[in-house]
Amino acid sequence: MSNSSIAIINYGMGNLRSLEKAFIKIGARVMVTEERQAIESAGKIVLPGVGAFGEGMANLKRLDLIGPLNALVLEKKKKILGICLGMQLFGEKSYEMEETPGLNWIRGTVNRLDGETVKIPHVGWNNITMTNPSPLFKHIPDQTDFYFVHSYYFKSDGRYVTSTADHGIEFAASVQKENLFGCQFHPEKSQDFGLKFLSNFVNLTND
């Protein structure tokens, strides 16, 4: 793989085929892999995921990827996009089922959505409100609809939140901290603007 390629980490959390197809559709060179060498040699990394936080962290540990990812992301500043569970794993800890430590890359915790007034899980289209500038929203209008599937949300410092959505409560729809990018929605399921979001990530420079 070259510096222009994308490594999608396969750690057993969800079907990755639709995400791979979305990157192929926008002309990206992409590989779904759990191999440390392939991840290290890629230009950018995507950490996807659907499912339980604890299982996600356990799988990353089992594959011995946490140390290499810390080195790539925190030290070498390689750009990474976390999608859905992948974004939540960026946080300090999750309160899903039992308190579980996360990767601790961005300050914040993962909490359950409030189901008193709305249906949980949150499934379907929801508009986002942009709160801080992000290059991933280049040529994407404010209030654009994206597709969500989740029961938990990442509660983080507002300075890292680049957009919000509302489902019973307002929650972070996307975050950014330096070379770390995350989205709670599924861009691969969000039609043209979802593809644009992924394209903006692919086209980020490595400055």
C-alpha atoms as a PDB file:
ATOM      1  CA  MET A   1       0.000   0.000   0.000  1.00  0.00           C
ATOM      2  CA  SER A   2       1.152   3.543  -0.679  1.00  0.00           C
ATOM      3  CA  ASN A   3       0.805   6.883   1.072  1.00  0.00           C
ATOM      4  CA  SER A   4      -2.347   7.574  -0.974  1.00  0.00           C
ATOM      5  CA  SER A   5      -4.134   4.422   0.194  1.00  0.00           C
ATOM      6  CA  ILE A   6      -6.751   3.809   2.889  1.00  0.00           C
ATOM      7  CA  ALA A   7      -6.561   0.957   5.406  1.00  0.00           C
ATOM      8  CA  ILE A   8      -9.935  -0.057   6.853  1.00  0.00           C
ATOM      9  CA  ILE A   9      -9.253  -1.953  10.070  1.00  0.00           C
ATOM     10  CA  ASN A  10     -11.017  -5.300  10.225  1.00  0.00           C
ATOM     11  CA  TYR A  11     -11.395  -6.123  13.916  1.00  0.00           C
ATOM     12  CA  GLY A  12     -14.582  -8.138  13.703  1.00  0.00           C
ATOM     13  CA  MET A  13     -17.080  -5.350  14.349  1.00  0.00           C
ATOM     14  CA  GLY A  14     -19.659  -5.211  11.588  1.00  0.00           C
ATOM     15  CA  ASN A  15     -19.910  -5.749   7.854  1.00  0.00           C
ATOM     16  CA  LEU A  16     -17.179  -3.733   6.155  1.00  0.00           C
ATOM     17  CA  ARG A  17     -18.161  -4.468   2.552  1.00  0.00           C
ATOM     18  CA  SER A  18     -20.428  -1.424   2.099  1.00  0.00           C
ATOM     19  CA  LEU A  19     -17.711   0.887   3.440  1.00  0.00           C
ATOM     20  CA  GLU A  20     -15.092  -0.653   1.164  1.00  0.00           C
ATOM     21  CA  LYS A  21     -17.444  -0.276  -1.830  1.00  0.00           C
ATOM     22  CA  ALA A  22     -18.063   3.391  -0.965  1.00  0.00           C
ATOM     23  CA  PHE A  23     -14.328   4.147  -1.013  1.00  0.00           C
ATOM     24  CA  ILE A  24     -13.932   2.266  -4.289  1.00  0.00           C
ATOM     25  CA  LYS A  25     -16.823   4.267  -5.755  1.00  0.00           C
ATOM     26  CA  ILE A  26     -15.004   7.554  -5.072  1.00  0.00           C
ATOM     27  CA  GLY A  27     -11.806   6.197  -6.612  1.00  0.00           C
ATOM     28  CA  ALA A  28      -9.827   5.564  -3.431  1.00  0.00           C
ATOM     29  CA  ARG A  29      -7.262   2.801  -3.120  1.00  0.00           C
ATOM     30  CA  VAL A  30      -8.529   0.833  -0.164  1.00  0.00           C
ATOM     31  CA  MET A  31      -7.756  -2.363   1.722  1.00  0.00           C
ATOM     32  CA  VAL A  32      -9.697  -4.082   4.504  1.00  0.00           C
ATOM     33  CA  THR A  33      -7.052  -5.505   6.803  1.00  0.00           C
ATOM     34  CA  GLU A  34      -6.079  -6.506  10.310  1.00  0.00           C
ATOM     35  CA  GLU A  35      -2.378  -6.721   9.423  1.00  0.00           C
ATOM     36  CA  ARG A  36      -0.192  -4.277  11.322  1.00  0.00           C
ATOM     37  CA  GLN A  37       2.235  -3.807   8.414  1.00  0.00           C
ATOM     38  CA  ALA A  38      -0.539  -2.904   5.971  1.00  0.00           C
ATOM     39  CA  ILE A  39      -2.030  -0.416   8.439  1.00  0.00           C
ATOM     40  CA  GLU A  40       1.369   1.163   9.050  1.00  0.00           C
ATOM     41  CA  SER A  41       2.112   1.554   5.344  1.00  0.00           C
ATOM     42  CA  ALA A  42      -1.271   3.062   4.405  1.00  0.00           C
ATOM     43  CA  GLY A  43      -1.661   6.785   3.897  1.00  0.00           C
ATOM     44  CA  LYS A  44      -4.740   7.026   6.144  1.00  0.00           C
ATOM     45  CA  ILE A  45      -6.670   4.746   8.491  1.00  0.00           C
ATOM     46  CA  VAL A  46     -10.390   4.099   8.984  1.00  0.00           C
ATOM     47  CA  LEU A  47     -11.674   2.513  12.199  1.00  0.00           C
ATOM     48  CA  PRO A  48     -15.284   1.459  11.495  1.00  0.00           C
ATOM     49  CA  GLY A  49     -17.544  -0.524  13.774  1.00  0.00           C
ATOM     50  CA  VAL A  50     -21.064  -1.584  14.700  1.00  0.00           C
ATOM     51  CA  GLY A  51     -21.734  -3.324  17.992  1.00  0.00           C
ATOM     52  CA  ALA A  52     -20.638  -3.334  21.609  1.00  0.00           C
ATOM     53  CA  PHE A  53     -17.872  -1.057  22.902  1.00  0.00           C
ATOM     54  CA  GLY A  54     -16.369  -3.725  25.176  1.00  0.00           C
ATOM     55  CA  GLU A  55     -16.165  -6.269  22.376  1.00  0.00           C
ATOM     56  CA  GLY A  56     -14.555  -3.696  20.095  1.00  0.00           C
ATOM     57  CA  MET A  57     -11.808  -2.880  22.598  1.00  0.00           C
ATOM     58  CA  ALA A  58     -11.285  -6.588  23.348  1.00  0.00           C
ATOM     59  CA  ASN A  59     -10.875  -7.358  19.647  1.00  0.00           C
ATOM     60  CA  LEU A  60      -8.324  -4.567  19.157  1.00  0.00           C
ATOM     61  CA  LYS A  61      -6.364  -5.955  22.113  1.00  0.00           C
ATOM     62  CA  ARG A  62      -6.601  -9.522  20.817  1.00  0.00           C
ATOM     63  CA  LEU A  63      -5.185  -8.407  17.469  1.00  0.00           C
ATOM     64  CA  ASP A  64      -2.425  -6.488  19.295  1.00  0.00           C
ATOM     65  CA  LEU A  65      -3.353  -3.284  17.445  1.00  0.00           C
ATOM     66  CA  ILE A  66      -3.681  -0.779  20.294  1.00  0.00           C
ATOM     67  CA  GLY A  67       0.046  -0.118  20.691  1.00  0.00           C
ATOM     68  CA  PRO A  68       0.685   0.246  16.948  1.00  0.00           C
ATOM     69  CA  LEU A  69      -2.371   2.504  16.565  1.00  0.00           C
ATOM     70  CA  ASN A  70      -1.205   4.722  19.442  1.00  0.00           C
ATOM     71  CA  ALA A  71       2.158   5.097  17.721  1.00  0.00           C
ATOM     72  CA  LEU A  72       0.651   5.844  14.306  1.00  0.00           C
ATOM     73  CA  VAL A  73      -2.067   8.224  15.486  1.00  0.00           C
ATOM     74  CA  LEU A  74      -0.573   9.972  18.522  1.00  0.00           C
ATOM     75  CA  GLU A  75       3.109  10.028  17.602  1.00  0.00           C
ATOM     76  CA  LYS A  76       3.280   9.924  13.805  1.00  0.00           C
ATOM     77  CA  LYS A  77       0.026  11.898  13.511  1.00  0.00           C
ATOM     78  CA  LYS A  78      -1.401   9.691  10.767  1.00  0.00           C
ATOM     79  CA  LYS A  79      -4.949  10.737   9.901  1.00  0.00           C
ATOM     80  CA  ILE A  80      -7.674   8.395  11.087  1.00  0.00           C
ATOM     81  CA  LEU A  81     -11.456   8.393  10.646  1.00  0.00           C
ATOM     82  CA  GLY A  82     -13.579   6.614  13.247  1.00  0.00           C
ATOM     83  CA  ILE A  83     -17.092   5.706  12.112  1.00  0.00           C
ATOM     84  CA  CYS A  84     -19.936   4.957  14.571  1.00  0.00           C
ATOM     85  CA  LEU A  85     -18.444   2.593  17.184  1.00  0.00           C
ATOM     86  CA  GLY A  86     -15.020   3.471  15.778  1.00  0.00           C
ATOM     87  CA  MET A  87     -15.510   7.102  16.823  1.00  0.00           C
ATOM     88  CA  GLN A  88     -16.782   6.076  20.254  1.00  0.00           C
ATOM     89  CA  LEU A  89     -13.632   4.019  20.851  1.00  0.00           C
ATOM     90  CA  PHE A  90     -11.615   7.261  20.576  1.00  0.00           C
ATOM     91  CA  GLY A  91     -13.022   8.264  23.986  1.00  0.00           C
ATOM     92  CA  GLU A  92     -11.830   7.743  27.534  1.00  0.00           C
ATOM     93  CA  LYS A  93     -14.430   5.155  28.543  1.00  0.00           C
ATOM     94  CA  SER A  94     -17.889   3.766  27.869  1.00  0.00           C
ATOM     95  CA  TYR A  95     -20.775   3.090  30.237  1.00  0.00           C
ATOM     96  CA  GLU A  96     -22.316   0.462  27.947  1.00  0.00           C
ATOM     97  CA  MET A  97     -23.173  -2.586  30.103  1.00  0.00           C
ATOM     98  CA  GLU A  98     -20.105  -2.031  32.305  1.00  0.00           C
ATOM     99  CA  GLU A  99     -17.543   0.750  32.515  1.00  0.00           C
ATOM    100  CA  THR A 100     -14.879  -0.010  29.893  1.00  0.00           C
ATOM    101  CA  PRO A 101     -11.743   2.017  29.084  1.00  0.00           C
ATOM    102  CA  GLY A 102     -11.407   3.275  25.515  1.00  0.00           C
ATOM    103  CA  LEU A 103      -8.412   4.345  23.455  1.00  0.00           C
ATOM    104  CA  ASN A 104      -8.347   7.654  25.361  1.00  0.00           C
ATOM    105  CA  TRP A 105      -7.460   9.733  22.299  1.00  0.00           C
ATOM    106  CA  ILE A 106     -10.174  12.361  22.757  1.00  0.00           C
ATOM    107  CA  ARG A 107     -11.550  13.435  26.103  1.00  0.00           C
ATOM    108  CA  GLY A 108     -15.104  12.175  26.544  1.00  0.00           C
ATOM    109  CA  THR A 109     -17.321   9.271  27.519  1.00  0.00           C
ATOM    110  CA  VAL A 110     -19.817   7.023  25.738  1.00  0.00           C
ATOM    111  CA  ASN A 111     -23.334   7.101  27.188  1.00  0.00           C
ATOM    112  CA  ARG A 112     -26.749   5.690  26.323  1.00  0.00           C
ATOM    113  CA  LEU A 113     -29.221   7.864  24.459  1.00  0.00           C
ATOM    114  CA  ASP A 114     -32.278   8.947  26.446  1.00  0.00           C
ATOM    115  CA  GLY A 115     -35.113   6.631  25.416  1.00  0.00           C
ATOM    116  CA  GLU A 116     -37.911   8.270  27.404  1.00  0.00           C
ATOM    117  CA  THR A 117     -39.264  10.302  24.499  1.00  0.00           C
ATOM    118  CA  VAL A 118     -37.733   8.654  21.415  1.00  0.00           C
ATOM    119  CA  LYS A 119     -37.163   5.131  20.144  1.00  0.00           C
ATOM    120  CA  ILE A 120     -33.807   3.481  20.886  1.00  0.00           C
ATOM    121  CA  PRO A 121     -31.799   2.534  18.902  1.00  0.00           C
ATOM    122  CA  HIS A 122     -31.728   5.662  16.795  1.00  0.00           C
ATOM    123  CA  VAL A 123     -32.072   4.336  13.248  1.00  0.00           C
ATOM    124  CA  GLY A 124     -32.532   6.419  10.130  1.00  0.00           C
ATOM    125  CA  TRP A 125     -31.923   9.820   8.604  1.00  0.00           C
ATOM    126  CA  ASN A 126     -31.226  12.869  10.751  1.00  0.00           C
ATOM    127  CA  ASN A 127     -30.007  16.333   9.882  1.00  0.00           C
ATOM    128  CA  ILE A 128     -26.806  17.635  11.423  1.00  0.00           C
ATOM    129  CA  THR A 129     -25.942  21.109  12.664  1.00  0.00           C
ATOM    130  CA  MET A 130     -22.352  22.163  12.074  1.00  0.00           C
ATOM    131  CA  THR A 131     -20.764  23.652  15.193  1.00  0.00           C
ATOM    132  CA  ASN A 132     -17.044  23.950  14.401  1.00  0.00           C
ATOM    133  CA  PRO A 133     -15.283  24.077  11.033  1.00  0.00           C
ATOM    134  CA  SER A 134     -14.040  20.770   9.629  1.00  0.00           C
ATOM    135  CA  PRO A 135     -12.448  19.988   6.263  1.00  0.00           C
ATOM    136  CA  LEU A 136     -14.594  16.858   6.064  1.00  0.00           C
ATOM    137  CA  PHE A 137     -17.687  19.043   5.542  1.00  0.00           C
ATOM    138  CA  LYS A 138     -16.215  20.937   2.590  1.00  0.00           C
ATOM    139  CA  HIS A 139     -19.022  21.496   0.028  1.00  0.00           C
ATOM    140  CA  ILE A 140     -21.579  19.864   2.358  1.00  0.00           C
ATOM    141  CA  PRO A 141     -24.387  22.219   3.488  1.00  0.00           C
ATOM    142  CA  ASP A 142     -25.388  22.723   7.083  1.00  0.00           C
ATOM    143  CA  GLN A 143     -28.516  20.711   8.028  1.00  0.00           C
ATOM    144  CA  THR A 144     -27.645  17.897   5.605  1.00  0.00           C
ATOM    145  CA  ASP A 145     -29.213  14.529   6.449  1.00  0.00           C
ATOM    146  CA  PHE A 146     -26.970  11.588   7.315  1.00  0.00           C
ATOM    147  CA  TYR A 147     -27.853   8.011   8.224  1.00  0.00           C
ATOM    148  CA  PHE A 148     -27.523   6.884  11.863  1.00  0.00           C
ATOM    149  CA  VAL A 149     -27.727   3.509  13.630  1.00  0.00           C
ATOM    150  CA  HIS A 150     -26.800   3.658  17.330  1.00  0.00           C
ATOM    151  CA  SER A 151     -27.993   3.433  20.922  1.00  0.00           C
ATOM    152  CA  TYR A 152     -25.008   5.194  22.525  1.00  0.00           C
ATOM    153  CA  TYR A 153     -23.330   8.530  21.842  1.00  0.00           C
ATOM    154  CA  PHE A 154     -19.948  10.140  22.456  1.00  0.00           C
ATOM    155  CA  LYS A 155     -20.177  12.958  25.006  1.00  0.00           C
ATOM    156  CA  SER A 156     -17.099  15.108  24.434  1.00  0.00           C
ATOM    157  CA  ASP A 157     -15.733  18.574  25.002  1.00  0.00           C
ATOM    158  CA  GLY A 158     -17.542  21.017  22.710  1.00  0.00           C
ATOM    159  CA  ARG A 159     -14.301  22.251  21.162  1.00  0.00           C
ATOM    160  CA  TYR A 160     -13.860  18.829  19.524  1.00  0.00           C
ATOM    161  CA  VAL A 161     -17.446  18.567  18.251  1.00  0.00           C
ATOM    162  CA  THR A 162     -17.782  19.616  14.599  1.00  0.00           C
ATOM    163  CA  SER A 163     -21.491  18.824  14.234  1.00  0.00           C
ATOM    164  CA  THR A 164     -24.448  17.754  16.340  1.00  0.00           C
ATOM    165  CA  ALA A 165     -27.722  15.932  15.789  1.00  0.00           C
ATOM    166  CA  ASP A 166     -30.798  15.528  17.953  1.00  0.00           C
ATOM    167  CA  HIS A 167     -32.579  12.357  19.019  1.00  0.00           C
ATOM    168  CA  GLY A 168     -34.181  12.945  22.380  1.00  0.00           C
ATOM    169  CA  ILE A 169     -31.019  14.838  23.315  1.00  0.00           C
ATOM    170  CA  GLU A 170     -28.439  16.742  21.334  1.00  0.00           C
ATOM    171  CA  PHE A 171     -25.359  14.607  20.700  1.00  0.00           C
ATOM    172  CA  ALA A 172     -22.077  14.786  18.791  1.00  0.00           C
ATOM    173  CA  ALA A 173     -22.573  13.728  15.183  1.00  0.00           C
ATOM    174  CA  SER A 174     -18.899  14.302  14.372  1.00  0.00           C
ATOM    175  CA  VAL A 175     -15.675  15.214  16.142  1.00  0.00           C
ATOM    176  CA  GLN A 176     -12.181  16.327  15.262  1.00  0.00           C
ATOM    177  CA  LYS A 177      -8.958  16.691  17.228  1.00  0.00           C
ATOM    178  CA  GLU A 178      -5.863  17.415  15.136  1.00  0.00           C
ATOM    179  CA  ASN A 179      -5.415  14.308  12.913  1.00  0.00           C
ATOM    180  CA  LEU A 180      -8.324  12.467  14.551  1.00  0.00           C
ATOM    181  CA  PHE A 181     -11.705  12.593  12.797  1.00  0.00           C
ATOM    182  CA  GLY A 182     -14.886  10.811  13.811  1.00  0.00           C
ATOM    183  CA  CYS A 183     -18.539  10.575  12.846  1.00  0.00           C
ATOM    184  CA  GLN A 184     -21.456   8.886  14.589  1.00  0.00           C
ATOM    185  CA  PHE A 185     -23.366   8.593  11.307  1.00  0.00           C
ATOM    186  CA  HIS A 186     -22.571   6.126   8.531  1.00  0.00           C
ATOM    187  CA  PRO A 187     -21.255   8.071   5.521  1.00  0.00           C
ATOM    188  CA  GLU A 188     -21.226   4.897   3.417  1.00  0.00           C
ATOM    189  CA  LYS A 189     -25.021   4.704   3.863  1.00  0.00           C
ATOM    190  CA  SER A 190     -25.628   8.447   3.425  1.00  0.00           C
ATOM    191  CA  GLN A 191     -25.792   8.692  -0.376  1.00  0.00           C
ATOM    192  CA  ASP A 192     -24.065  11.548  -2.221  1.00  0.00           C
ATOM    193  CA  PHE A 193     -23.144  13.720   0.748  1.00  0.00           C
ATOM    194  CA  GLY A 194     -21.840  10.675   2.599  1.00  0.00           C
ATOM    195  CA  LEU A 195     -19.571   9.913  -0.339  1.00  0.00           C
ATOM    196  CA  LYS A 196     -18.475  13.547  -0.371  1.00  0.00           C
ATOM    197  CA  PHE A 197     -17.609  13.288   3.327  1.00  0.00           C
ATOM    198  CA  LEU A 198     -15.435  10.233   2.636  1.00  0.00           C
ATOM    199  CA  SER A 199     -13.876  11.930  -0.382  1.00  0.00           C
ATOM    200  CA  ASN A 200     -12.950  14.932   1.749  1.00  0.00           C
ATOM    201  CA  PHE A 201     -11.177  12.569   4.149  1.00  0.00           C
ATOM    202  CA  VAL A 202      -9.315  10.846   1.319  1.00  0.00           C
ATOM    203  CA  ASN A 203      -8.225  14.203  -0.083  1.00  0.00           C
ATOM    204  CA  LEU A 204      -6.830  15.589   3.172  1.00  0.00           C
ATOM    205  CA  THR A 205      -3.200  16.506   2.744  1.00  0.00           C
ATOM    206  CA  ASN A 206      -0.528  15.085   5.016  1.00  0.00           C
ATOM    207  CA  ASP A 207       0.847  18.475   6.005  1.00  0.00           C
END
